[in-house]
Amino acid sequence: VAEGEPLPEHLHDRVAVRGYAIEVRLCAEDPAQGYRPAAGVLH
């Protein structure tokens, strides 16, 4: 799109979906301590 190309035709209508996806954000923090951030070397 940044190059000026149009979106593919099949995206102009409602896009069909397949299955289900779930994402989690793995964070360096301690939820039991008020989500206190953690730092250090990830061995």
PDB file of all heavy atoms in Angstrom:
ATOM      1  N   VAL A   1       0.842  -1.202   0.000  1.00  0.00           N
ATOM      2  CA  VAL A   1       0.000   0.000   0.000  1.00  0.00           C
ATOM      3  C   VAL A   1       0.876   1.251   0.000  1.00  0.00           C
ATOM      4  O   VAL A   1       0.567   2.244  -0.680  1.00  0.00           O
ATOM      5  CB  VAL A   1      -0.956  -0.020   1.205  1.00  0.00           C
ATOM      6  CG1 VAL A   1      -1.579   1.347   1.438  1.00  0.00           C
ATOM      7  CG2 VAL A   1      -2.051  -1.071   0.996  1.00  0.00           C
ATOM      8  N   ALA A   2       1.974   1.223   0.752  1.00  0.00           N
ATOM      9  CA  ALA A   2       2.890   2.370   0.762  1.00  0.00           C
ATOM     10  C   ALA A   2       3.497   2.616  -0.612  1.00  0.00           C
ATOM     11  O   ALA A   2       3.837   3.755  -0.957  1.00  0.00           O
ATOM     12  CB  ALA A   2       3.995   2.136   1.791  1.00  0.00           C
ATOM     13  N   GLU A   3       3.619   1.565  -1.404  1.00  0.00           N
ATOM     14  CA  GLU A   3       4.135   1.694  -2.773  1.00  0.00           C
ATOM     15  C   GLU A   3       3.062   2.138  -3.761  1.00  0.00           C
ATOM     16  O   GLU A   3       3.346   2.329  -4.940  1.00  0.00           O
ATOM     17  CB  GLU A   3       4.724   0.359  -3.224  1.00  0.00           C
ATOM     18  CG  GLU A   3       5.999  -0.030  -2.487  1.00  0.00           C
ATOM     19  CD  GLU A   3       6.501  -1.426  -2.826  1.00  0.00           C
ATOM     20  OE1 GLU A   3       5.670  -2.269  -3.267  1.00  0.00           O
ATOM     21  OE2 GLU A   3       7.707  -1.683  -2.668  1.00  0.00           O
ATOM     22  N   GLY A   4       1.817   2.298  -3.268  1.00  0.00           N
ATOM     23  CA  GLY A   4       0.731   2.760  -4.126  1.00  0.00           C
ATOM     24  C   GLY A   4      -0.127   1.671  -4.713  1.00  0.00           C
ATOM     25  O   GLY A   4      -1.043   1.954  -5.498  1.00  0.00           O
ATOM     26  N   GLU A   5       0.114   0.418  -4.334  1.00  0.00           N
ATOM     27  CA  GLU A   5      -0.668  -0.696  -4.875  1.00  0.00           C
ATOM     28  C   GLU A   5      -2.056  -0.730  -4.230  1.00  0.00           C
ATOM     29  O   GLU A   5      -2.209  -0.389  -3.052  1.00  0.00           O
ATOM     30  CB  GLU A   5       0.043  -2.021  -4.609  1.00  0.00           C
ATOM     31  CG  GLU A   5       1.371  -2.183  -5.319  1.00  0.00           C
ATOM     32  CD  GLU A   5       1.202  -2.298  -6.818  1.00  0.00           C
ATOM     33  OE1 GLU A   5       0.193  -2.883  -7.263  1.00  0.00           O
ATOM     34  OE2 GLU A   5       2.079  -1.787  -7.548  1.00  0.00           O
ATOM     35  N   PRO A   6      -3.075  -1.155  -4.982  1.00  0.00           N
ATOM     36  CA  PRO A   6      -4.410  -1.311  -4.391  1.00  0.00           C
ATOM     37  C   PRO A   6      -4.479  -2.586  -3.560  1.00  0.00           C
ATOM     38  O   PRO A   6      -3.702  -3.529  -3.767  1.00  0.00           O
ATOM     39  CB  PRO A   6      -5.331  -1.407  -5.614  1.00  0.00           C
ATOM     40  CG  PRO A   6      -4.461  -1.999  -6.684  1.00  0.00           C
ATOM     41  CD  PRO A   6      -3.078  -1.450  -6.447  1.00  0.00           C
ATOM     42  N   LEU A   7      -5.412  -2.615  -2.605  1.00  0.00           N
ATOM     43  CA  LEU A   7      -5.635  -3.836  -1.838  1.00  0.00           C
ATOM     44  C   LEU A   7      -6.170  -4.928  -2.756  1.00  0.00           C
ATOM     45  O   LEU A   7      -6.903  -4.644  -3.711  1.00  0.00           O
ATOM     46  CB  LEU A   7      -6.640  -3.585  -0.714  1.00  0.00           C
ATOM     47  CG  LEU A   7      -6.147  -2.752   0.472  1.00  0.00           C
ATOM     48  CD1 LEU A   7      -7.318  -2.408   1.388  1.00  0.00           C
ATOM     49  CD2 LEU A   7      -5.066  -3.488   1.238  1.00  0.00           C
ATOM     50  N   PRO A   8      -5.813  -6.181  -2.508  1.00  0.00           N
ATOM     51  CA  PRO A   8      -6.348  -7.273  -3.330  1.00  0.00           C
ATOM     52  C   PRO A   8      -7.874  -7.269  -3.332  1.00  0.00           C
ATOM     53  O   PRO A   8      -8.514  -6.913  -2.342  1.00  0.00           O
ATOM     54  CB  PRO A   8      -5.792  -8.528  -2.639  1.00  0.00           C
ATOM     55  CG  PRO A   8      -4.580  -8.058  -1.905  1.00  0.00           C
ATOM     56  CD  PRO A   8      -4.885  -6.657  -1.474  1.00  0.00           C
ATOM     57  N   GLU A   9      -8.449  -7.690  -4.435  1.00  0.00           N
ATOM     58  CA  GLU A   9      -9.907  -7.666  -4.609  1.00  0.00           C
ATOM     59  C   GLU A   9     -10.636  -8.443  -3.519  1.00  0.00           C
ATOM     60  O   GLU A   9     -11.695  -8.025  -3.059  1.00  0.00           O
ATOM     61  CB  GLU A   9     -10.268  -8.258  -5.979  1.00  0.00           C
ATOM     62  CG  GLU A   9      -9.877  -7.390  -7.165  1.00  0.00           C
ATOM     63  CD  GLU A   9     -10.935  -6.342  -7.468  1.00  0.00           C
ATOM     64  OE1 GLU A   9     -12.090  -6.523  -7.021  1.00  0.00           O
ATOM     65  OE2 GLU A   9     -10.603  -5.359  -8.147  1.00  0.00           O
ATOM     66  N   HIS A  10     -10.070  -9.578  -3.092  1.00  0.00           N
ATOM     67  CA  HIS A  10     -10.798 -10.420  -2.141  1.00  0.00           C
ATOM     68  C   HIS A  10     -10.906  -9.788  -0.760  1.00  0.00           C
ATOM     69  O   HIS A  10     -11.660 -10.279   0.094  1.00  0.00           O
ATOM     70  CB  HIS A  10     -10.140 -11.805  -2.038  1.00  0.00           C
ATOM     71  CG  HIS A  10      -8.827 -11.813  -1.317  1.00  0.00           C
ATOM     72  ND1 HIS A  10      -7.634 -11.473  -1.928  1.00  0.00           N
ATOM     73  CD2 HIS A  10      -8.512 -12.112  -0.034  1.00  0.00           C
ATOM     74  CE1 HIS A  10      -6.653 -11.567  -1.059  1.00  0.00           C
ATOM     75  NE2 HIS A  10      -7.146 -11.948   0.090  1.00  0.00           N
ATOM     76  N   LEU A  11     -10.195  -8.682  -0.522  1.00  0.00           N
ATOM     77  CA  LEU A  11     -10.298  -8.005   0.764  1.00  0.00           C
ATOM     78  C   LEU A  11     -11.371  -6.917   0.767  1.00  0.00           C
ATOM     79  O   LEU A  11     -11.647  -6.337   1.818  1.00  0.00           O
ATOM     80  CB  LEU A  11      -8.954  -7.389   1.149  1.00  0.00           C
ATOM     81  CG  LEU A  11      -7.782  -8.346   1.343  1.00  0.00           C
ATOM     82  CD1 LEU A  11      -6.539  -7.581   1.779  1.00  0.00           C
ATOM     83  CD2 LEU A  11      -8.119  -9.433   2.353  1.00  0.00           C
ATOM     84  N   HIS A  12     -11.952  -6.635  -0.374  1.00  0.00           N
ATOM     85  CA  HIS A  12     -12.940  -5.559  -0.446  1.00  0.00           C
ATOM     86  C   HIS A  12     -14.236  -5.934   0.265  1.00  0.00           C
ATOM     87  O   HIS A  12     -14.972  -5.063   0.732  1.00  0.00           O
ATOM     88  CB  HIS A  12     -13.222  -5.212  -1.910  1.00  0.00           C
ATOM     89  CG  HIS A  12     -12.056  -4.542  -2.588  1.00  0.00           C
ATOM     90  ND1 HIS A  12     -12.191  -3.782  -3.725  1.00  0.00           N
ATOM     91  CD2 HIS A  12     -10.735  -4.509  -2.289  1.00  0.00           C
ATOM     92  CE1 HIS A  12     -11.001  -3.317  -4.095  1.00  0.00           C
ATOM     93  NE2 HIS A  12     -10.102  -3.766  -3.234  1.00  0.00           N
ATOM     94  N   ASP A  13     -14.540  -7.221   0.325  1.00  0.00           N
ATOM     95  CA  ASP A  13     -15.728  -7.680   1.026  1.00  0.00           C
ATOM     96  C   ASP A  13     -15.325  -8.226   2.398  1.00  0.00           C
ATOM     97  O   ASP A  13     -14.148  -8.238   2.750  1.00  0.00           O
ATOM     98  CB  ASP A  13     -16.436  -8.774   0.213  1.00  0.00           C
ATOM     99  CG  ASP A  13     -16.895  -8.258  -1.149  1.00  0.00           C
ATOM    100  OD1 ASP A  13     -17.374  -7.106  -1.200  1.00  0.00           O
ATOM    101  OD2 ASP A  13     -16.746  -8.990  -2.140  1.00  0.00           O
ATOM    102  N   ARG A  14     -16.292  -8.664   3.170  1.00  0.00           N
ATOM    103  CA  ARG A  14     -15.992  -9.251   4.462  1.00  0.00           C
ATOM    104  C   ARG A  14     -15.066 -10.452   4.264  1.00  0.00           C
ATOM    105  O   ARG A  14     -15.328 -11.337   3.463  1.00  0.00           O
ATOM    106  CB  ARG A  14     -17.273  -9.691   5.167  1.00  0.00           C
ATOM    107  CG  ARG A  14     -18.178  -8.532   5.543  1.00  0.00           C
ATOM    108  CD  ARG A  14     -17.583  -7.732   6.716  1.00  0.00           C
ATOM    109  NE  ARG A  14     -18.499  -6.711   7.177  1.00  0.00           N
ATOM    110  CZ  ARG A  14     -18.480  -5.439   6.776  1.00  0.00           C
ATOM    111  NH1 ARG A  14     -17.564  -5.037   5.907  1.00  0.00           N
ATOM    112  NH2 ARG A  14     -19.351  -4.569   7.242  1.00  0.00           N
ATOM    113  N   VAL A  15     -13.998 -10.495   5.019  1.00  0.00           N
ATOM    114  CA  VAL A  15     -12.993 -11.531   4.851  1.00  0.00           C
ATOM    115  C   VAL A  15     -13.407 -12.789   5.602  1.00  0.00           C
ATOM    116  O   VAL A  15     -13.824 -12.732   6.763  1.00  0.00           O
ATOM    117  CB  VAL A  15     -11.626 -11.028   5.368  1.00  0.00           C
ATOM    118  CG1 VAL A  15     -10.580 -12.122   5.269  1.00  0.00           C
ATOM    119  CG2 VAL A  15     -11.189  -9.811   4.575  1.00  0.00           C
ATOM    120  N   ALA A  16     -13.294 -13.942   4.931  1.00  0.00           N
ATOM    121  CA  ALA A  16     -13.624 -15.212   5.571  1.00  0.00           C
ATOM    122  C   ALA A  16     -12.538 -15.586   6.571  1.00  0.00           C
ATOM    123  O   ALA A  16     -11.362 -15.255   6.392  1.00  0.00           O
ATOM    124  CB  ALA A  16     -13.775 -16.307   4.516  1.00  0.00           C
ATOM    125  N   VAL A  17     -12.941 -16.259   7.645  1.00  0.00           N
ATOM    126  CA  VAL A  17     -11.982 -16.661   8.673  1.00  0.00           C
ATOM    127  C   VAL A  17     -11.904 -18.174   8.733  1.00  0.00           C
ATOM    128  O   VAL A  17     -12.812 -18.891   8.315  1.00  0.00           O
ATOM    129  CB  VAL A  17     -12.360 -16.093  10.057  1.00  0.00           C
ATOM    130  CG1 VAL A  17     -12.378 -14.592  10.036  1.00  0.00           C
ATOM    131  CG2 VAL A  17     -13.705 -16.649  10.521  1.00  0.00           C
ATOM    132  N   ARG A  18     -10.801 -18.644   9.299  1.00  0.00           N
ATOM    133  CA  ARG A  18     -10.583 -20.084   9.481  1.00  0.00           C
ATOM    134  C   ARG A  18     -10.097 -20.310  10.914  1.00  0.00           C
ATOM    135  O   ARG A  18      -9.144 -19.696  11.374  1.00  0.00           O
ATOM    136  CB  ARG A  18      -9.542 -20.609   8.495  1.00  0.00           C
ATOM    137  CG  ARG A  18      -8.232 -19.834   8.562  1.00  0.00           C
ATOM    138  CD  ARG A  18      -7.067 -20.549   7.909  1.00  0.00           C
ATOM    139  NE  ARG A  18      -5.803 -19.996   8.410  1.00  0.00           N
ATOM    140  CZ  ARG A  18      -4.671 -20.662   8.449  1.00  0.00           C
ATOM    141  NH1 ARG A  18      -4.629 -21.897   8.013  1.00  0.00           N
ATOM    142  NH2 ARG A  18      -3.564 -20.103   8.918  1.00  0.00           N
ATOM    143  N   GLY A  19     -10.769 -21.194  11.623  1.00  0.00           N
ATOM    144  CA  GLY A  19     -10.305 -21.580  12.944  1.00  0.00           C
ATOM    145  C   GLY A  19     -10.266 -20.449  13.956  1.00  0.00           C
ATOM    146  O   GLY A  19     -11.016 -19.466  13.865  1.00  0.00           O
ATOM    147  N   TYR A  20      -9.349 -20.599  14.925  1.00  0.00           N
ATOM    148  CA  TYR A  20      -9.280 -19.665  16.045  1.00  0.00           C
ATOM    149  C   TYR A  20      -7.821 -19.475  16.446  1.00  0.00           C
ATOM    150  O   TYR A  20      -7.024 -20.410  16.425  1.00  0.00           O
ATOM    151  CB  TYR A  20     -10.076 -20.196  17.243  1.00  0.00           C
ATOM    152  CG  TYR A  20     -10.660 -19.108  18.095  1.00  0.00           C
ATOM    153  CD1 TYR A  20     -11.946 -18.639  17.876  1.00  0.00           C
ATOM    154  CD2 TYR A  20      -9.911 -18.517  19.110  1.00  0.00           C
ATOM    155  CE1 TYR A  20     -12.487 -17.620  18.649  1.00  0.00           C
ATOM    156  CE2 TYR A  20     -10.438 -17.506  19.885  1.00  0.00           C
ATOM    157  CZ  TYR A  20     -11.723 -17.050  19.649  1.00  0.00           C
ATOM    158  OH  TYR A  20     -12.253 -16.033  20.404  1.00  0.00           O
ATOM    159  N   ALA A  21      -7.473 -18.237  16.806  1.00  0.00           N
ATOM    160  CA  ALA A  21      -6.106 -17.920  17.228  1.00  0.00           C
ATOM    161  C   ALA A  21      -6.135 -17.180  18.559  1.00  0.00           C
ATOM    162  O   ALA A  21      -6.992 -16.323  18.781  1.00  0.00           O
ATOM    163  CB  ALA A  21      -5.399 -17.082  16.174  1.00  0.00           C
ATOM    164  N   ILE A  22      -5.199 -17.510  19.426  1.00  0.00           N
ATOM    165  CA  ILE A  22      -5.039 -16.836  20.718  1.00  0.00           C
ATOM    166  C   ILE A  22      -3.574 -16.459  20.880  1.00  0.00           C
ATOM    167  O   ILE A  22      -2.684 -17.269  20.617  1.00  0.00           O
ATOM    168  CB  ILE A  22      -5.469 -17.729  21.901  1.00  0.00           C
ATOM    169  CG1 ILE A  22      -6.927 -18.181  21.729  1.00  0.00           C
ATOM    170  CG2 ILE A  22      -5.311 -16.991  23.230  1.00  0.00           C
ATOM    171  CD1 ILE A  22      -7.389 -19.145  22.808  1.00  0.00           C
ATOM    172  N   GLU A  23      -3.339 -15.222  21.303  1.00  0.00           N
ATOM    173  CA  GLU A  23      -1.984 -14.724  21.536  1.00  0.00           C
ATOM    174  C   GLU A  23      -1.840 -14.309  22.985  1.00  0.00           C
ATOM    175  O   GLU A  23      -2.763 -13.749  23.580  1.00  0.00           O
ATOM    176  CB  GLU A  23      -1.713 -13.525  20.624  1.00  0.00           C
ATOM    177  CG  GLU A  23      -0.430 -12.750  20.946  1.00  0.00           C
ATOM    178  CD  GLU A  23      -0.264 -11.508  20.081  1.00  0.00           C
ATOM    179  OE1 GLU A  23      -0.079 -11.682  18.854  1.00  0.00           O
ATOM    180  OE2 GLU A  23      -0.348 -10.381  20.608  1.00  0.00           O
ATOM    181  N   VAL A  24      -0.679 -14.568  23.557  1.00  0.00           N
ATOM    182  CA  VAL A  24      -0.358 -14.051  24.884  1.00  0.00           C
ATOM    183  C   VAL A  24       0.915 -13.232  24.794  1.00  0.00           C
ATOM    184  O   VAL A  24       1.792 -13.488  23.970  1.00  0.00           O
ATOM    185  CB  VAL A  24      -0.179 -15.182  25.926  1.00  0.00           C
ATOM    186  CG1 VAL A  24      -1.471 -15.937  26.132  1.00  0.00           C
ATOM    187  CG2 VAL A  24       0.954 -16.118  25.542  1.00  0.00           C
ATOM    188  N   ARG A  25       0.995 -12.216  25.662  1.00  0.00           N
ATOM    189  CA  ARG A  25       2.198 -11.397  25.742  1.00  0.00           C
ATOM    190  C   ARG A  25       3.016 -11.887  26.941  1.00  0.00           C
ATOM    191  O   ARG A  25       2.597 -11.734  28.089  1.00  0.00           O
ATOM    192  CB  ARG A  25       1.847  -9.920  25.904  1.00  0.00           C
ATOM    193  CG  ARG A  25       0.989  -9.381  24.785  1.00  0.00           C
ATOM    194  CD  ARG A  25       0.881  -7.874  24.870  1.00  0.00           C
ATOM    195  NE  ARG A  25      -0.146  -7.351  23.964  1.00  0.00           N
ATOM    196  CZ  ARG A  25      -0.358  -6.069  23.719  1.00  0.00           C
ATOM    197  NH1 ARG A  25       0.391  -5.157  24.334  1.00  0.00           N
ATOM    198  NH2 ARG A  25      -1.310  -5.679  22.888  1.00  0.00           N
ATOM    199  N   LEU A  26       4.148 -12.465  26.646  1.00  0.00           N
ATOM    200  CA  LEU A  26       5.046 -12.955  27.676  1.00  0.00           C
ATOM    201  C   LEU A  26       5.929 -11.793  28.114  1.00  0.00           C
ATOM    202  O   LEU A  26       6.717 -11.260  27.332  1.00  0.00           O
ATOM    203  CB  LEU A  26       5.888 -14.099  27.117  1.00  0.00           C
ATOM    204  CG  LEU A  26       6.706 -14.930  28.094  1.00  0.00           C
ATOM    205  CD1 LEU A  26       5.811 -15.578  29.150  1.00  0.00           C
ATOM    206  CD2 LEU A  26       7.479 -15.994  27.339  1.00  0.00           C
ATOM    207  N   CYS A  27       5.786 -11.395  29.371  1.00  0.00           N
ATOM    208  CA  CYS A  27       6.440 -10.180  29.857  1.00  0.00           C
ATOM    209  C   CYS A  27       7.388 -10.479  31.008  1.00  0.00           C
ATOM    210  O   CYS A  27       7.161 -11.397  31.800  1.00  0.00           O
ATOM    211  CB  CYS A  27       5.389  -9.166  30.329  1.00  0.00           C
ATOM    212  SG  CYS A  27       4.248  -8.638  29.038  1.00  0.00           S
ATOM    213  N   ALA A  28       8.436  -9.667  31.113  1.00  0.00           N
ATOM    214  CA  ALA A  28       9.385  -9.757  32.227  1.00  0.00           C
ATOM    215  C   ALA A  28       8.826  -8.943  33.382  1.00  0.00           C
ATOM    216  O   ALA A  28       9.113  -7.752  33.521  1.00  0.00           O
ATOM    217  CB  ALA A  28      10.750  -9.239  31.797  1.00  0.00           C
ATOM    218  N   GLU A  29       8.011  -9.586  34.201  1.00  0.00           N
ATOM    219  CA  GLU A  29       7.369  -8.906  35.317  1.00  0.00           C
ATOM    220  C   GLU A  29       6.854  -9.934  36.296  1.00  0.00           C
ATOM    221  O   GLU A  29       6.713 -11.119  35.968  1.00  0.00           O
ATOM    222  CB  GLU A  29       6.213  -8.028  34.825  1.00  0.00           C
ATOM    223  CG  GLU A  29       5.090  -8.810  34.158  1.00  0.00           C
ATOM    224  CD  GLU A  29       4.031  -7.914  33.536  1.00  0.00           C
ATOM    225  OE1 GLU A  29       4.359  -6.757  33.216  1.00  0.00           O
ATOM    226  OE2 GLU A  29       2.897  -8.378  33.367  1.00  0.00           O
ATOM    227  N   ASP A  30       6.566  -9.482  37.493  1.00  0.00           N
ATOM    228  CA  ASP A  30       6.077 -10.355  38.551  1.00  0.00           C
ATOM    229  C   ASP A  30       4.646  -9.964  38.894  1.00  0.00           C
ATOM    230  O   ASP A  30       4.411  -8.988  39.626  1.00  0.00           O
ATOM    231  CB  ASP A  30       6.969 -10.227  39.791  1.00  0.00           C
ATOM    232  CG  ASP A  30       6.630 -11.247  40.865  1.00  0.00           C
ATOM    233  OD1 ASP A  30       5.577 -11.899  40.754  1.00  0.00           O
ATOM    234  OD2 ASP A  30       7.417 -11.394  41.817  1.00  0.00           O
ATOM    235  N   PRO A  31       3.645 -10.689  38.378  1.00  0.00           N
ATOM    236  CA  PRO A  31       2.248 -10.334  38.652  1.00  0.00           C
ATOM    237  C   PRO A  31       1.907 -10.331  40.132  1.00  0.00           C
ATOM    238  O   PRO A  31       1.083  -9.530  40.577  1.00  0.00           O
ATOM    239  CB  PRO A  31       1.463 -11.419  37.907  1.00  0.00           C
ATOM    240  CG  PRO A  31       2.384 -11.904  36.839  1.00  0.00           C
ATOM    241  CD  PRO A  31       3.747 -11.826  37.448  1.00  0.00           C
ATOM    242  N   ALA A  32       2.540 -11.212  40.910  1.00  0.00           N
ATOM    243  CA  ALA A  32       2.229 -11.295  42.339  1.00  0.00           C
ATOM    244  C   ALA A  32       2.741 -10.093  43.112  1.00  0.00           C
ATOM    245  O   ALA A  32       2.334  -9.868  44.248  1.00  0.00           O
ATOM    246  CB  ALA A  32       2.818 -12.578  42.928  1.00  0.00           C
ATOM    247  N   GLN A  33       3.627  -9.309  42.507  1.00  0.00           N
ATOM    248  CA  GLN A  33       4.167  -8.105  43.143  1.00  0.00           C
ATOM    249  C   GLN A  33       3.706  -6.851  42.398  1.00  0.00           C
ATOM    250  O   GLN A  33       4.489  -5.949  42.133  1.00  0.00           O
ATOM    251  CB  GLN A  33       5.700  -8.175  43.176  1.00  0.00           C
ATOM    252  CG  GLN A  33       6.259  -9.335  43.971  1.00  0.00           C
ATOM    253  CD  GLN A  33       5.924  -9.226  45.447  1.00  0.00           C
ATOM    254  OE1 GLN A  33       5.886  -8.132  46.003  1.00  0.00           O
ATOM    255  NE2 GLN A  33       5.670 -10.362  46.084  1.00  0.00           N
ATOM    256  N   GLY A  34       2.437  -6.827  42.048  1.00  0.00           N
ATOM    257  CA  GLY A  34       1.886  -5.662  41.359  1.00  0.00           C
ATOM    258  C   GLY A  34       2.453  -5.477  39.965  1.00  0.00           C
ATOM    259  O   GLY A  34       2.593  -4.353  39.493  1.00  0.00           O
ATOM    260  N   TYR A  35       2.779  -6.601  39.292  1.00  0.00           N
ATOM    261  CA  TYR A  35       3.352  -6.575  37.932  1.00  0.00           C
ATOM    262  C   TYR A  35       4.679  -5.821  37.908  1.00  0.00           C
ATOM    263  O   TYR A  35       5.004  -5.146  36.934  1.00  0.00           O
ATOM    264  CB  TYR A  35       2.378  -5.962  36.928  1.00  0.00           C
ATOM    265  CG  TYR A  35       1.022  -6.617  36.939  1.00  0.00           C
ATOM    266  CD1 TYR A  35      -0.069  -6.002  37.565  1.00  0.00           C
ATOM    267  CD2 TYR A  35       0.820  -7.856  36.358  1.00  0.00           C
ATOM    268  CE1 TYR A  35      -1.314  -6.615  37.603  1.00  0.00           C
ATOM    269  CE2 TYR A  35      -0.425  -8.471  36.380  1.00  0.00           C
ATOM    270  CZ  TYR A  35      -1.482  -7.842  37.007  1.00  0.00           C
ATOM    271  OH  TYR A  35      -2.704  -8.450  37.043  1.00  0.00           O
ATOM    272  N   ARG A  36       5.431  -5.961  38.963  1.00  0.00           N
ATOM    273  CA  ARG A  36       6.718  -5.280  39.046  1.00  0.00           C
ATOM    274  C   ARG A  36       7.629  -5.758  37.920  1.00  0.00           C
ATOM    275  O   ARG A  36       7.846  -6.950  37.754  1.00  0.00           O
ATOM    276  CB  ARG A  36       7.371  -5.571  40.395  1.00  0.00           C
ATOM    277  CG  ARG A  36       8.677  -4.828  40.636  1.00  0.00           C
ATOM    278  CD  ARG A  36       9.172  -5.079  42.039  1.00  0.00           C
ATOM    279  NE  ARG A  36       9.597  -6.456  42.227  1.00  0.00           N
ATOM    280  CZ  ARG A  36       9.741  -7.041  43.411  1.00  0.00           C
ATOM    281  NH1 ARG A  36       9.453  -6.353  44.508  1.00  0.00           N
ATOM    282  NH2 ARG A  36      10.153  -8.284  43.515  1.00  0.00           N
ATOM    283  N   PRO A  37       8.186  -4.849  37.114  1.00  0.00           N
ATOM    284  CA  PRO A  37       9.057  -5.256  36.012  1.00  0.00           C
ATOM    285  C   PRO A  37      10.305  -5.967  36.518  1.00  0.00           C
ATOM    286  O   PRO A  37      10.784  -5.716  37.635  1.00  0.00           O
ATOM    287  CB  PRO A  37       9.420  -3.933  35.330  1.00  0.00           C
ATOM    288  CG  PRO A  37       8.370  -2.966  35.769  1.00  0.00           C
ATOM    289  CD  PRO A  37       7.973  -3.391  37.146  1.00  0.00           C
ATOM    290  N   ALA A  38      10.825  -6.851  35.688  1.00  0.00           N
ATOM    291  CA  ALA A  38      12.043  -7.580  36.026  1.00  0.00           C
ATOM    292  C   ALA A  38      13.101  -7.282  34.978  1.00  0.00           C
ATOM    293  O   ALA A  38      12.796  -6.996  33.815  1.00  0.00           O
ATOM    294  CB  ALA A  38      11.772  -9.083  36.076  1.00  0.00           C
ATOM    295  N   ALA A  39      14.343  -7.331  35.384  1.00  0.00           N
ATOM    296  CA  ALA A  39      15.450  -7.076  34.472  1.00  0.00           C
ATOM    297  C   ALA A  39      16.555  -8.080  34.753  1.00  0.00           C
ATOM    298  O   ALA A  39      16.598  -8.697  35.821  1.00  0.00           O
ATOM    299  CB  ALA A  39      15.967  -5.646  34.643  1.00  0.00           C
ATOM    300  N   GLY A  40      17.460  -8.241  33.790  1.00  0.00           N
ATOM    301  CA  GLY A  40      18.571  -9.165  33.968  1.00  0.00           C
ATOM    302  C   GLY A  40      18.881  -9.891  32.679  1.00  0.00           C
ATOM    303  O   GLY A  40      18.409  -9.531  31.599  1.00  0.00           O
ATOM    304  N   VAL A  41      19.677 -10.948  32.806  1.00  0.00           N
ATOM    305  CA  VAL A  41      20.073 -11.745  31.649  1.00  0.00           C
ATOM    306  C   VAL A  41      19.112 -12.920  31.497  1.00  0.00           C
ATOM    307  O   VAL A  41      18.850 -13.653  32.453  1.00  0.00           O
ATOM    308  CB  VAL A  41      21.512 -12.267  31.794  1.00  0.00           C
ATOM    309  CG1 VAL A  41      21.894 -13.149  30.603  1.00  0.00           C
ATOM    310  CG2 VAL A  41      22.491 -11.112  31.917  1.00  0.00           C
ATOM    311  N   LEU A  42      18.583 -13.087  30.309  1.00  0.00           N
ATOM    312  CA  LEU A  42      17.697 -14.209  30.012  1.00  0.00           C
ATOM    313  C   LEU A  42      18.584 -15.382  29.587  1.00  0.00           C
ATOM    314  O   LEU A  42      18.960 -15.513  28.423  1.00  0.00           O
ATOM    315  CB  LEU A  42      16.726 -13.815  28.897  1.00  0.00           C
ATOM    316  CG  LEU A  42      15.540 -14.726  28.638  1.00  0.00           C
ATOM    317  CD1 LEU A  42      14.658 -14.841  29.877  1.00  0.00           C
ATOM    318  CD2 LEU A  42      14.720 -14.198  27.464  1.00  0.00           C
ATOM    319  N   HIS A  43      18.945 -16.215  30.536  1.00  0.00           N
ATOM    320  CA  HIS A  43      19.916 -17.272  30.271  1.00  0.00           C
ATOM    321  C   HIS A  43      19.383 -18.323  29.307  1.00  0.00           C
ATOM    322  O   HIS A  43      20.151 -18.902  28.536  1.00  0.00           O
ATOM    323  CB  HIS A  43      20.327 -17.946  31.580  1.00  0.00           C
ATOM    324  CG  HIS A  43      20.983 -17.023  32.549  1.00  0.00           C
ATOM    325  ND1 HIS A  43      22.164 -16.380  32.281  1.00  0.00           N
ATOM    326  CD2 HIS A  43      20.606 -16.610  33.794  1.00  0.00           C
ATOM    327  CE1 HIS A  43      22.508 -15.629  33.310  1.00  0.00           C
ATOM    328  NE2 HIS A  43      21.576 -15.740  34.237  1.00  0.00           N
TER     329      HIS A  43
END
